């Protein structure tokens, strides 16, 4: 009597392995496509928010938050900035222009959503106080940008910026935790500004609470130099991305 044979032949096993390979490749490709779409969305968001600020200035003569006739236009629900050209976190002791900027953009119908703009020293709520990013964290207006240690970032100075990070409570300045990985930061930078984390209109810094060097790797001498790189060997969400307003 012939014995029945069980199991797969080599050809059948080969077909199964090929199919598994196709499935894995499709999953990896799908993840890459999704990540690329998210990066493009963030780049679009940054452009939209900056354009809204420029459009506001064109219409009202001052940047949002810094506008000194907000109360006259929209009533007691807002406050006036000091019209010095700077979107400052704290103007005087009580006026938080960086948050009021989003409120004034909302009042002027230049944002897709409505933002309260009444936050002061607490951690901002995403999609309530500031817009949320498609990656992580949200967007913050600020004049210049201080790193997590409170030291003014000399890479972008004497100019208004928009920063992408994770909101943290603060009493005297914008403090942000990391919101993107070094790989994501490099992708954003590459598509808009050449890919260097320490030169151009886009720079990166370690988020508050992150280990020094967890976003940008110093090459050669300590401190930011033009040949520093995004440390894409690291995968933590430790980067804060800072985008300078283009000079008009």
Protein backbone atom coordinates (compact mmCIF):
# COMPACT_ATOMS: atom_id res chain seq x y z
CA UNK A 1 0.00 0.00 0.00
CA UNK A 2 1.16 3.51 -0.80
CA UNK A 3 1.78 5.67 2.21
CA UNK A 4 0.26 9.15 2.13
CA UNK A 5 2.81 11.95 2.29
CA UNK A 6 2.16 14.98 4.47
CA UNK A 7 3.87 18.37 4.64
CA UNK A 8 4.91 21.00 2.11
CA UNK A 9 7.09 20.48 -0.88
CA UNK A 10 10.06 22.78 -1.45
CA UNK A 11 8.12 24.60 -4.15
CA UNK A 12 5.17 25.16 -1.83
CA UNK A 13 7.47 26.41 0.93
CA UNK A 14 9.14 28.78 -1.52
CA UNK A 15 5.76 30.19 -2.56
CA UNK A 16 4.77 30.71 1.09
CA UNK A 17 8.07 32.50 1.83
CA UNK A 18 7.63 34.74 -1.21
CA UNK A 19 4.08 35.62 -0.15
CA UNK A 20 5.25 36.43 3.40
CA UNK A 21 7.98 38.63 1.92
CA UNK A 22 5.42 40.51 -0.15
CA UNK A 23 3.23 41.04 2.92
CA UNK A 24 6.15 42.35 5.00
CA UNK A 25 7.26 44.64 2.16
CA UNK A 26 3.70 45.97 1.82
CA UNK A 27 3.48 46.68 5.55
CA UNK A 28 6.85 48.48 5.59
CA UNK A 29 5.96 50.42 2.45
CA UNK A 30 2.61 51.39 3.92
CA UNK A 31 4.26 52.71 7.09
CA UNK A 32 6.73 54.72 5.03
CA UNK A 33 3.92 56.18 2.95
CA UNK A 34 1.99 57.17 6.07
CA UNK A 35 5.08 58.74 7.66
CA UNK A 36 5.89 60.67 4.49
CA UNK A 37 2.32 61.97 4.37
CA UNK A 38 2.57 63.13 7.99
CA UNK A 39 5.84 64.95 7.30
CA UNK A 40 4.27 66.69 4.31
CA UNK A 41 1.29 67.65 6.46
CA UNK A 42 3.57 69.24 9.06
CA UNK A 43 5.43 71.20 6.39
CA UNK A 44 2.09 72.41 5.06
CA UNK A 45 0.94 73.34 8.57
CA UNK A 46 4.08 75.38 9.21
CA UNK A 47 3.63 77.22 5.92
CA UNK A 48 -0.06 77.87 6.61
CA UNK A 49 0.58 79.24 10.11
CA UNK A 50 3.35 81.53 8.94
CA UNK A 51 1.24 82.74 6.04
CA UNK A 52 -1.61 83.49 8.45
CA UNK A 53 0.74 85.62 10.56
CA UNK A 54 1.96 87.51 7.48
CA UNK A 55 -1.62 88.02 6.26
CA UNK A 56 -2.58 89.37 9.69
CA UNK A 57 0.30 91.82 9.62
CA UNK A 58 -0.63 92.93 6.11
CA UNK A 59 -4.20 93.63 7.21
CA UNK A 60 -3.61 95.10 10.68
CA UNK A 61 -0.06 96.42 10.46
CA UNK A 62 1.30 94.27 13.32
CA UNK A 63 1.92 90.60 13.93
CA UNK A 64 -0.81 88.71 15.83
CA UNK A 65 -0.32 88.91 19.58
CA UNK A 66 1.75 92.06 19.18
CA UNK A 67 -1.23 93.97 17.76
CA UNK A 68 -2.00 97.01 19.93
CA UNK A 69 -5.61 97.63 18.86
CA UNK A 70 -7.06 94.17 19.46
CA UNK A 71 -9.43 95.34 22.19
CA UNK A 72 -10.74 98.12 19.95
CA UNK A 73 -11.50 95.57 17.24
CA UNK A 74 -12.73 92.55 19.21
CA UNK A 75 -13.63 93.81 22.67
CA UNK A 76 -12.69 92.87 26.21
CA UNK A 77 -12.20 89.19 25.36
CA UNK A 78 -8.67 89.94 24.24
CA UNK A 79 -5.82 92.25 25.21
CA UNK A 80 -3.51 94.58 23.33
CA UNK A 81 0.10 93.82 22.54
CA UNK A 82 2.75 96.50 22.71
CA UNK A 83 3.38 96.83 18.95
CA UNK A 84 7.15 96.48 19.19
CA UNK A 85 7.37 93.97 16.34
CA UNK A 86 8.02 91.03 18.65
CA UNK A 87 5.64 88.20 19.48
CA UNK A 88 6.84 87.84 23.06
CA UNK A 89 5.92 85.13 25.51
CA UNK A 90 5.52 87.67 28.28
CA UNK A 91 5.06 91.33 27.50
CA UNK A 92 5.30 93.20 30.77
CA UNK A 93 4.00 90.88 33.48
CA UNK A 94 0.54 89.85 32.35
CA UNK A 95 0.26 89.86 28.55
CA UNK A 96 1.24 86.59 26.87
CA UNK A 97 1.51 87.61 23.25
CA UNK A 98 2.50 84.15 22.02
CA UNK A 99 -0.87 82.73 23.11
CA UNK A 100 -2.88 85.84 22.25
CA UNK A 101 -1.47 85.53 18.72
CA UNK A 102 -3.59 82.43 18.12
CA UNK A 103 -6.64 84.12 19.64
CA UNK A 104 -6.25 87.18 17.42
CA UNK A 105 -5.77 84.99 14.35
CA UNK A 106 -9.02 83.24 15.30
CA UNK A 107 -10.87 86.53 15.75
CA UNK A 108 -9.64 87.69 12.35
CA UNK A 109 -10.86 84.42 10.73
CA UNK A 110 -7.33 83.49 9.67
CA UNK A 111 -7.27 80.07 11.34
CA UNK A 112 -9.27 76.96 10.53
CA UNK A 113 -10.08 76.38 14.20
CA UNK A 114 -10.84 78.68 17.14
CA UNK A 115 -8.15 79.10 19.81
CA UNK A 116 -8.77 80.68 23.22
CA UNK A 117 -5.40 82.41 23.62
CA UNK A 118 -5.98 82.92 27.35
CA UNK A 119 -3.26 80.59 28.65
CA UNK A 120 -0.61 82.24 30.81
CA UNK A 121 1.87 80.10 32.77
CA UNK A 122 0.25 76.67 32.54
CA UNK A 123 0.85 74.02 29.91
CA UNK A 124 -1.04 74.93 26.76
CA UNK A 125 -3.79 72.58 25.63
CA UNK A 126 -3.49 71.40 22.06
CA UNK A 127 -6.36 72.45 19.80
CA UNK A 128 -7.64 74.68 22.63
CA UNK A 129 -4.81 77.16 23.13
CA UNK A 130 -2.56 76.32 20.17
CA UNK A 131 -2.85 74.21 17.00
CA UNK A 132 -1.87 70.57 17.22
CA UNK A 133 0.74 69.05 14.91
CA UNK A 134 0.10 65.99 12.74
CA UNK A 135 3.15 64.40 14.38
CA UNK A 136 3.20 65.32 18.07
CA UNK A 137 2.96 68.51 20.08
CA UNK A 138 1.82 71.84 18.75
CA UNK A 139 2.88 75.21 17.32
CA UNK A 140 4.04 78.23 19.29
CA UNK A 141 4.86 81.79 18.27
CA UNK A 142 7.80 83.40 20.00
CA UNK A 143 10.38 86.13 19.54
CA UNK A 144 13.69 84.32 19.17
CA UNK A 145 13.79 81.05 21.06
CA UNK A 146 15.48 80.00 24.29
CA UNK A 147 16.59 76.42 24.72
CA UNK A 148 15.39 74.25 27.59
CA UNK A 149 18.07 75.71 29.88
CA UNK A 150 16.75 79.23 29.31
CA UNK A 151 19.70 80.32 27.19
CA UNK A 152 18.78 82.36 24.09
CA UNK A 153 19.36 80.26 21.00
CA UNK A 154 21.95 82.16 18.98
CA UNK A 155 21.11 80.15 15.87
CA UNK A 156 17.92 82.17 15.34
CA UNK A 157 18.10 85.60 16.94
CA UNK A 158 16.34 88.95 16.65
CA UNK A 159 13.42 87.48 14.73
CA UNK A 160 9.99 85.99 15.34
CA UNK A 161 9.78 82.22 15.07
CA UNK A 162 7.25 79.44 15.13
CA UNK A 163 8.32 76.43 17.17
CA UNK A 164 7.07 72.86 17.01
CA UNK A 165 7.22 71.12 20.37
CA UNK A 166 5.34 69.59 23.27
CA UNK A 167 3.86 72.25 25.59
CA UNK A 168 5.07 72.47 29.18
CA UNK A 169 4.16 74.88 31.97
CA UNK A 170 6.32 78.00 32.27
CA UNK A 171 6.30 81.30 34.11
CA UNK A 172 8.71 83.41 32.08
CA UNK A 173 9.34 81.90 28.63
CA UNK A 174 8.15 79.28 26.20
CA UNK A 175 9.29 75.85 27.39
CA UNK A 176 8.80 72.92 25.03
CA UNK A 177 9.49 69.23 25.26
CA UNK A 178 10.58 67.30 22.20
CA UNK A 179 7.87 66.46 19.67
CA UNK A 180 9.67 64.85 16.73
CA UNK A 181 12.44 62.30 16.28
CA UNK A 182 15.78 63.26 14.73
CA UNK A 183 14.76 61.36 11.59
CA UNK A 184 11.51 63.32 11.34
CA UNK A 185 13.36 66.56 12.01
CA UNK A 186 15.82 65.78 9.24
CA UNK A 187 12.97 65.02 6.83
CA UNK A 188 11.25 68.34 7.59
CA UNK A 189 14.53 70.23 7.31
CA UNK A 190 15.60 68.45 4.11
CA UNK A 191 12.39 69.29 2.30
CA UNK A 192 12.41 72.97 3.19
CA UNK A 193 15.82 74.19 4.32
CA UNK A 194 18.76 72.00 3.32
CA UNK A 195 18.90 69.49 6.16
CA UNK A 196 21.28 71.20 8.62
CA UNK A 197 19.96 71.48 12.20
CA UNK A 198 22.17 74.47 12.99
CA UNK A 199 21.97 76.66 9.88
CA UNK A 200 19.27 78.27 7.76
CA UNK A 201 15.70 79.22 8.61
CA UNK A 202 15.01 75.91 10.39
CA UNK A 203 17.06 74.76 13.37
CA UNK A 204 16.60 72.06 15.97
CA UNK A 205 17.32 71.82 19.67
CA UNK A 206 16.90 69.25 22.43
CA UNK A 207 13.52 69.42 24.10
CA UNK A 208 13.13 70.22 27.77
CA UNK A 209 13.84 67.11 29.82
CA UNK A 210 15.77 65.41 27.03
CA UNK A 211 19.38 64.37 27.40
CA UNK A 212 21.79 66.82 25.80
CA UNK A 213 22.62 65.66 22.29
CA UNK A 214 19.52 63.52 21.94
CA UNK A 215 18.44 65.47 18.85
CA UNK A 216 21.52 67.08 17.33
CA UNK A 217 24.98 65.50 17.40
CA UNK A 218 27.89 67.90 17.83
CA UNK A 219 30.59 67.21 15.25
CA UNK A 220 34.04 68.30 16.37
CA UNK A 221 33.74 71.16 18.84
CA UNK A 222 31.03 71.42 21.45
CA UNK A 223 28.08 73.69 20.78
CA UNK A 224 26.25 74.39 17.52
CA UNK A 225 28.43 74.47 14.43
CA UNK A 226 27.48 74.30 10.74
CA UNK A 227 28.59 70.68 10.37
CA UNK A 228 26.41 69.31 13.21
CA UNK A 229 23.86 66.69 12.20
CA UNK A 230 20.52 65.24 13.27
CA UNK A 231 21.42 62.09 15.18
CA UNK A 232 19.21 59.67 13.24
CA UNK A 233 20.65 56.73 15.18
CA UNK A 234 18.36 57.83 18.02
CA UNK A 235 14.60 57.24 17.92
CA UNK A 236 13.24 59.29 20.82
CA UNK A 237 10.86 62.21 20.35
CA UNK A 238 13.46 64.66 21.62
CA UNK A 239 13.63 67.39 18.97
CA UNK A 240 12.08 70.84 19.07
CA UNK A 241 11.99 72.37 15.59
CA UNK A 242 12.30 76.17 15.35
CA UNK A 243 11.38 77.97 12.12
CA UNK A 244 12.36 81.61 11.61
CA UNK A 245 10.00 84.04 9.94
CA UNK A 246 11.53 85.05 6.64
CA UNK A 247 12.72 88.63 6.58
CA UNK A 248 10.28 90.87 4.72
